[in-house]
Amino acid sequence: MNASAQPILEVENLSVEYRRGRRTNLAVDDVTLHIAPRETLGLVGESGSGKSTIGKAVLGLVRPTGGTIRYDGQDLLTASSAQRRALARELQVIYQDPHTSLDPTKPIGYSIAEPVQIHEPASKAVVRERVFSMLRRVGLGEDAARRFPAQFSGGQKQRIAIARALILSPRLVVCDEPVSALDLSIQAEVINLMAELQQETGASYLFISHDLSIVHYLSDRIAVLRKGRIVEYGDAGRIYEDPQRDYTRRLLAAAPVPDPELQARRNAAREKDGLDARTDAIVSAIR
């Protein structure tokens, strides 16, 4: 990570509104953030805080009502359709549910190969070897290429989705709740894999999650989002160890941990601070 380098992603004064009939919901309100090359920025907040909307705006899936989004200095909001298609190989996404990126009627080798066939036409032999290489890198054998999504566990399918997203060696990956549907032990495996692949590929991550403990593990910096606005922003270690906002402390207290003794201490501290009722409301909202 080189936080002093020219940012690969710059979001300035971003606002996004959703309209339903005569009602307007301000989902994102004047958000500014940036990501440097090889850096992971964690974007954390409860359900409905606007974090996924920011990811969708970066990917061009929702249209902002204000602000700017620049990728490597290029304004994405004024980019033509052709320019967005050209950038697609450098800007990829990993979703919470791998079913969204895996065709259940096709072997997973087909799904992993598809981005290469679209963006980097090559011979069948070259594409096949790249698919095999990615499968090995995510801990699956080459024979997996001939199997269908239904034949894999949830954790394995997320590994396949990661292989599909990274096969083009993108410079920026939007990771939208990529482990929230997995068991804690599988979450750790997938997070470690993402960290290893980032070291190998040099990609930057925008890592979106409601779980501050997971975000802290992978991120260099963290932006805490509440009701569409950033309420705390800075070094990941500082925010995790010494959160300045009560809202951030509640998010941290709400995050489950696999260590029973640590969880018991968290529960005791939560009771001491009188945060139980508010934390329970957050837990119910983000689970």
Protein backbone atom coordinates (compact mmCIF):
# COMPACT_ATOMS: atom_id res chain seq x y z
CA MET A 1 0.00 0.00 0.00
CA ASN A 2 1.24 3.46 -0.90
CA ALA A 3 -1.18 5.96 0.57
CA SER A 4 0.98 8.88 -0.63
CA ALA A 5 0.57 7.91 -4.30
CA GLN A 6 -1.96 9.42 -6.66
CA PRO A 7 -5.31 7.90 -5.66
CA ILE A 8 -6.72 5.27 -7.99
CA LEU A 9 -10.24 6.21 -6.84
CA GLU A 10 -11.42 9.66 -5.77
CA VAL A 11 -14.97 10.24 -4.58
CA GLU A 12 -15.81 13.85 -3.77
CA ASN A 13 -19.03 15.27 -2.31
CA LEU A 14 -21.01 12.28 -3.58
CA SER A 15 -24.77 12.32 -3.12
CA VAL A 16 -27.31 9.75 -4.29
CA GLU A 17 -31.09 10.07 -4.03
CA TYR A 18 -33.72 7.40 -4.56
CA ARG A 19 -37.18 8.52 -5.58
CA ARG A 20 -40.33 6.56 -4.88
CA GLY A 21 -43.33 8.42 -6.15
CA ARG A 22 -43.26 11.80 -4.46
CA ARG A 23 -40.88 10.67 -1.74
CA THR A 24 -37.12 11.19 -1.91
CA ASN A 25 -34.60 9.23 0.13
CA LEU A 26 -31.11 10.70 0.42
CA ALA A 27 -29.11 7.45 0.54
CA VAL A 28 -25.65 9.05 0.28
CA ASP A 29 -25.03 12.57 1.53
CA ASP A 30 -21.89 14.52 0.60
CA VAL A 31 -19.40 11.65 0.91
CA THR A 32 -15.71 12.21 0.15
CA LEU A 33 -13.11 9.43 0.21
CA HIS A 34 -10.16 8.10 -1.78
CA ILE A 35 -8.24 4.86 -2.30
CA ALA A 36 -4.52 4.66 -3.11
CA PRO A 37 -2.92 1.94 -5.27
CA ARG A 38 -2.59 -1.39 -3.42
CA GLU A 39 -4.69 -0.01 -0.55
CA THR A 40 -7.86 -1.37 1.04
CA LEU A 41 -10.44 1.12 2.22
CA GLY A 42 -13.06 -0.42 4.49
CA LEU A 43 -16.54 1.09 4.26
CA VAL A 44 -18.57 0.03 7.28
CA GLY A 45 -22.06 0.81 8.53
CA GLU A 46 -25.35 -0.74 9.50
CA SER A 47 -27.95 -1.86 6.97
CA GLY A 48 -29.37 1.13 5.12
CA SER A 49 -26.36 3.36 5.83
CA GLY A 50 -25.65 3.84 2.11
CA LYS A 51 -22.44 1.84 1.87
CA SER A 52 -23.57 -0.48 -0.94
CA THR A 53 -25.01 2.51 -2.81
CA ILE A 54 -21.53 4.06 -2.87
CA GLY A 55 -20.15 0.85 -4.36
CA LYS A 56 -22.90 0.81 -6.99
CA ALA A 57 -22.19 4.44 -7.86
CA VAL A 58 -18.50 3.61 -8.42
CA LEU A 59 -19.52 0.70 -10.65
CA GLY A 60 -21.94 2.87 -12.64
CA LEU A 61 -25.01 0.94 -11.44
CA VAL A 62 -26.69 3.99 -9.89
CA ARG A 63 -26.57 7.59 -11.03
CA PRO A 64 -25.41 10.13 -8.41
CA THR A 65 -27.33 13.34 -7.94
CA GLY A 66 -24.22 15.28 -7.00
CA GLY A 67 -20.44 15.08 -6.66
CA THR A 68 -17.69 13.45 -8.70
CA ILE A 69 -16.14 9.99 -9.03
CA ARG A 70 -12.71 9.74 -10.66
CA TYR A 71 -10.87 6.53 -11.48
CA ASP A 72 -7.17 7.04 -12.18
CA GLY A 73 -7.95 10.69 -12.87
CA GLN A 74 -10.81 9.98 -15.30
CA ASP A 75 -14.27 11.29 -14.46
CA LEU A 76 -16.53 8.23 -14.42
CA LEU A 77 -19.73 10.27 -14.38
CA THR A 78 -18.98 11.83 -17.76
CA ALA A 79 -17.41 8.74 -19.32
CA SER A 80 -19.08 7.36 -22.43
CA SER A 81 -20.47 3.83 -22.63
CA ALA A 82 -17.43 2.81 -24.66
CA GLN A 83 -15.07 4.27 -22.04
CA ARG A 84 -16.93 2.46 -19.24
CA ARG A 85 -16.68 -0.83 -21.12
CA ALA A 86 -12.95 -0.30 -21.59
CA LEU A 87 -12.55 0.32 -17.87
CA ALA A 88 -14.52 -2.81 -16.94
CA ARG A 89 -11.42 -5.01 -17.08
CA GLU A 90 -9.70 -2.76 -14.51
CA LEU A 91 -12.70 -2.31 -12.22
CA GLN A 92 -14.31 -5.52 -10.98
CA VAL A 93 -16.76 -6.52 -8.24
CA ILE A 94 -17.24 -9.37 -5.74
CA TYR A 95 -20.79 -9.64 -4.43
CA GLN A 96 -22.17 -11.09 -1.20
CA ASP A 97 -23.97 -13.87 -3.05
CA PRO A 98 -21.76 -15.66 -5.61
CA HIS A 99 -24.90 -16.92 -7.36
CA THR A 100 -25.17 -13.46 -8.92
CA SER A 101 -21.98 -13.98 -10.92
CA LEU A 102 -22.11 -17.75 -11.56
CA ASP A 103 -24.42 -19.19 -14.22
CA PRO A 104 -25.99 -22.30 -12.63
CA THR A 105 -26.39 -23.91 -16.06
CA LYS A 106 -22.69 -23.64 -16.98
CA PRO A 107 -19.54 -25.26 -15.57
CA ILE A 108 -17.65 -22.81 -13.40
CA GLY A 109 -14.74 -22.84 -15.85
CA TYR A 110 -17.06 -21.07 -18.28
CA SER A 111 -17.95 -18.35 -15.75
CA ILE A 112 -14.30 -17.72 -14.86
CA ALA A 113 -13.25 -17.63 -18.53
CA GLU A 114 -16.02 -15.27 -19.62
CA PRO A 115 -14.29 -11.98 -18.62
CA VAL A 116 -11.15 -13.00 -20.53
CA GLN A 117 -13.15 -13.89 -23.63
CA ILE A 118 -14.90 -10.51 -23.50
CA HIS A 119 -11.96 -8.24 -22.74
CA GLU A 120 -8.84 -10.13 -23.86
CA PRO A 121 -9.65 -12.45 -26.77
CA ALA A 122 -7.19 -15.34 -26.82
CA SER A 123 -6.94 -18.93 -27.99
CA LYS A 124 -8.89 -21.62 -26.14
CA ALA A 125 -5.65 -23.10 -24.86
CA VAL A 126 -4.50 -19.77 -23.39
CA VAL A 127 -7.88 -19.09 -21.78
CA ARG A 128 -8.03 -22.62 -20.35
CA GLU A 129 -4.58 -22.29 -18.77
CA ARG A 130 -5.52 -18.94 -17.22
CA VAL A 131 -8.65 -20.48 -15.75
CA PHE A 132 -6.65 -23.41 -14.34
CA SER A 133 -4.09 -21.00 -12.90
CA MET A 134 -6.76 -18.95 -11.12
CA LEU A 135 -8.42 -22.07 -9.74
CA ARG A 136 -5.08 -23.16 -8.29
CA ARG A 137 -4.53 -19.71 -6.79
CA VAL A 138 -7.86 -19.80 -4.96
CA GLY A 139 -7.22 -23.30 -3.63
CA LEU A 140 -9.35 -25.35 -6.03
CA GLY A 141 -8.09 -28.02 -8.41
CA GLU A 142 -8.21 -27.85 -12.18
CA ASP A 143 -10.94 -30.49 -12.26
CA ALA A 144 -13.26 -27.91 -10.63
CA ALA A 145 -13.54 -26.17 -14.01
CA ARG A 146 -15.82 -28.95 -15.28
CA ARG A 147 -18.18 -28.90 -12.29
CA PHE A 148 -21.33 -26.81 -11.80
CA PRO A 149 -21.99 -24.20 -9.08
CA ALA A 150 -24.46 -26.46 -7.24
CA GLN A 151 -21.64 -28.93 -6.61
CA PHE A 152 -19.69 -26.47 -4.43
CA SER A 153 -20.10 -25.19 -0.87
CA GLY A 154 -20.78 -21.53 -0.13
CA GLY A 155 -17.14 -20.85 0.70
CA GLN A 156 -15.96 -22.61 -2.46
CA LYS A 157 -18.40 -20.63 -4.59
CA GLN A 158 -17.09 -17.39 -3.12
CA ARG A 159 -13.55 -18.52 -4.00
CA ILE A 160 -14.77 -19.08 -7.56
CA ALA A 161 -16.34 -15.60 -7.62
CA ILE A 162 -13.02 -14.14 -6.45
CA ALA A 163 -11.20 -16.03 -9.22
CA ARG A 164 -13.64 -14.62 -11.76
CA ALA A 165 -13.17 -11.07 -10.48
CA LEU A 166 -9.36 -11.24 -10.39
CA ILE A 167 -8.60 -13.19 -13.58
CA LEU A 168 -8.19 -9.92 -15.51
CA SER A 169 -5.78 -8.52 -12.86
CA PRO A 170 -8.03 -5.50 -12.13
CA ARG A 171 -6.59 -2.47 -10.42
CA LEU A 172 -9.69 -1.84 -8.27
CA VAL A 173 -12.16 -4.36 -6.85
CA VAL A 174 -15.41 -3.37 -5.14
CA CYS A 175 -16.08 -6.05 -2.50
CA ASP A 176 -19.71 -5.75 -1.42
CA GLU A 177 -20.26 -7.82 1.74
CA PRO A 178 -18.20 -10.67 0.22
CA VAL A 179 -18.11 -12.85 3.36
CA SER A 180 -21.21 -11.89 5.33
CA ALA A 181 -23.15 -14.98 4.19
CA LEU A 182 -20.38 -17.37 5.29
CA ASP A 183 -19.67 -19.08 8.61
CA LEU A 184 -17.01 -17.44 10.78
CA SER A 185 -14.35 -20.07 10.03
CA ILE A 186 -14.99 -19.82 6.28
CA GLN A 187 -14.97 -16.02 6.52
CA ALA A 188 -11.42 -16.18 7.85
CA GLU A 189 -10.30 -18.44 4.99
CA VAL A 190 -11.78 -16.17 2.33
CA ILE A 191 -10.42 -12.97 3.94
CA ASN A 192 -6.93 -14.49 4.13
CA LEU A 193 -7.21 -15.51 0.48
CA MET A 194 -8.22 -11.99 -0.54
CA ALA A 195 -5.27 -10.55 1.37
CA GLU A 196 -2.86 -12.98 -0.29
CA LEU A 197 -4.21 -12.27 -3.77
CA GLN A 198 -3.98 -8.53 -3.17
CA GLN A 199 -0.29 -8.95 -2.35
CA GLU A 200 0.20 -10.93 -5.57
CA THR A 201 -1.84 -8.74 -7.92
CA GLY A 202 -1.43 -5.26 -6.40
CA ALA A 203 -5.17 -4.58 -6.62
CA SER A 204 -6.91 -1.97 -4.50
CA TYR A 205 -10.05 -2.94 -2.60
CA LEU A 206 -13.14 -0.99 -1.61
CA PHE A 207 -14.30 -3.43 1.08
CA ILE A 208 -17.92 -2.93 2.12
CA SER A 209 -19.26 -4.61 5.25
CA HIS A 210 -21.39 -4.15 8.36
CA ASP A 211 -18.78 -6.02 10.45
CA LEU A 212 -16.10 -3.67 11.78
CA SER A 213 -13.89 -6.51 13.04
CA ILE A 214 -13.64 -8.03 9.53
CA VAL A 215 -13.10 -4.63 7.94
CA HIS A 216 -10.30 -3.87 10.40
CA TYR A 217 -8.47 -7.09 9.57
CA LEU A 218 -8.20 -6.38 5.85
CA SER A 219 -8.23 -2.57 5.63
CA ASP A 220 -5.56 0.11 5.72
CA ARG A 221 -8.12 2.83 6.40
CA ILE A 222 -11.79 2.77 7.43
CA ALA A 223 -14.71 5.07 6.68
CA VAL A 224 -17.67 4.64 9.03
CA LEU A 225 -20.99 5.49 7.42
CA ARG A 226 -24.24 6.41 9.16
CA LYS A 227 -27.41 7.52 7.38
CA GLY A 228 -25.46 8.26 4.22
CA ARG A 229 -22.76 10.38 5.86
CA ILE A 230 -19.22 9.56 6.97
CA VAL A 231 -19.01 9.97 10.75
CA GLU A 232 -15.48 8.64 11.29
CA TYR A 233 -12.61 8.22 8.82
CA GLY A 234 -8.98 7.30 9.31
CA ASP A 235 -6.37 4.64 10.02
CA ALA A 236 -7.93 1.20 10.50
CA GLY A 237 -5.94 0.37 13.63
CA ARG A 238 -6.83 3.66 15.29
CA ILE A 239 -10.54 3.38 14.56
CA TYR A 240 -10.67 -0.23 15.73
CA GLU A 241 -8.65 0.29 18.91
CA ASP A 242 -9.83 3.79 19.82
CA PRO A 243 -13.09 4.72 18.07
CA GLN A 244 -14.04 8.35 18.64
CA ARG A 245 -17.75 8.13 17.87
CA ASP A 246 -20.36 6.33 19.94
CA TYR A 247 -21.86 4.91 16.75
CA THR A 248 -18.51 3.31 15.82
CA ARG A 249 -18.21 1.79 19.29
CA ARG A 250 -21.69 0.28 18.93
CA LEU A 251 -20.78 -1.26 15.58
CA LEU A 252 -17.66 -2.76 17.12
CA ALA A 253 -19.61 -4.15 20.08
CA ALA A 254 -22.17 -5.68 17.70
CA ALA A 255 -19.56 -7.64 15.74
CA PRO A 256 -19.41 -11.30 16.87
CA VAL A 257 -16.03 -12.88 17.59
CA PRO A 258 -15.15 -16.61 17.77
CA ASP A 259 -13.35 -16.26 21.13
CA PRO A 260 -15.92 -16.86 23.96
CA GLU A 261 -13.82 -15.05 26.56
CA LEU A 262 -13.36 -11.99 24.34
CA GLN A 263 -17.06 -12.00 23.47
CA ALA A 264 -17.91 -12.16 27.18
CA ARG A 265 -15.66 -9.16 27.88
CA ARG A 266 -17.30 -7.25 25.05
CA ASN A 267 -20.75 -8.05 26.42
CA ALA A 268 -19.72 -6.91 29.91
CA ALA A 269 -18.25 -3.67 28.56
CA ARG A 270 -21.38 -3.10 26.53
CA GLU A 271 -23.55 -3.45 29.62
CA LYS A 272 -21.28 -1.12 31.59
CA ASP A 273 -21.55 1.55 28.94
CA GLY A 274 -25.31 1.16 28.73
CA LEU A 275 -25.21 0.31 25.04
CA ASP A 276 -27.22 -2.93 25.05
CA ALA A 277 -30.54 -1.62 23.80
CA ARG A 278 -29.01 0.42 21.01
CA THR A 279 -26.59 -2.35 19.99
CA ASP A 280 -29.38 -4.91 19.90
CA ALA A 281 -31.25 -2.65 17.50
CA ILE A 282 -28.19 -2.48 15.25
CA VAL A 283 -27.67 -6.25 15.41
CA SER A 284 -31.26 -6.85 14.33
CA ALA A 285 -30.83 -4.39 11.50
CA ILE A 286 -27.61 -5.81 10.09
CA ARG A 287 -28.23 -9.51 10.46
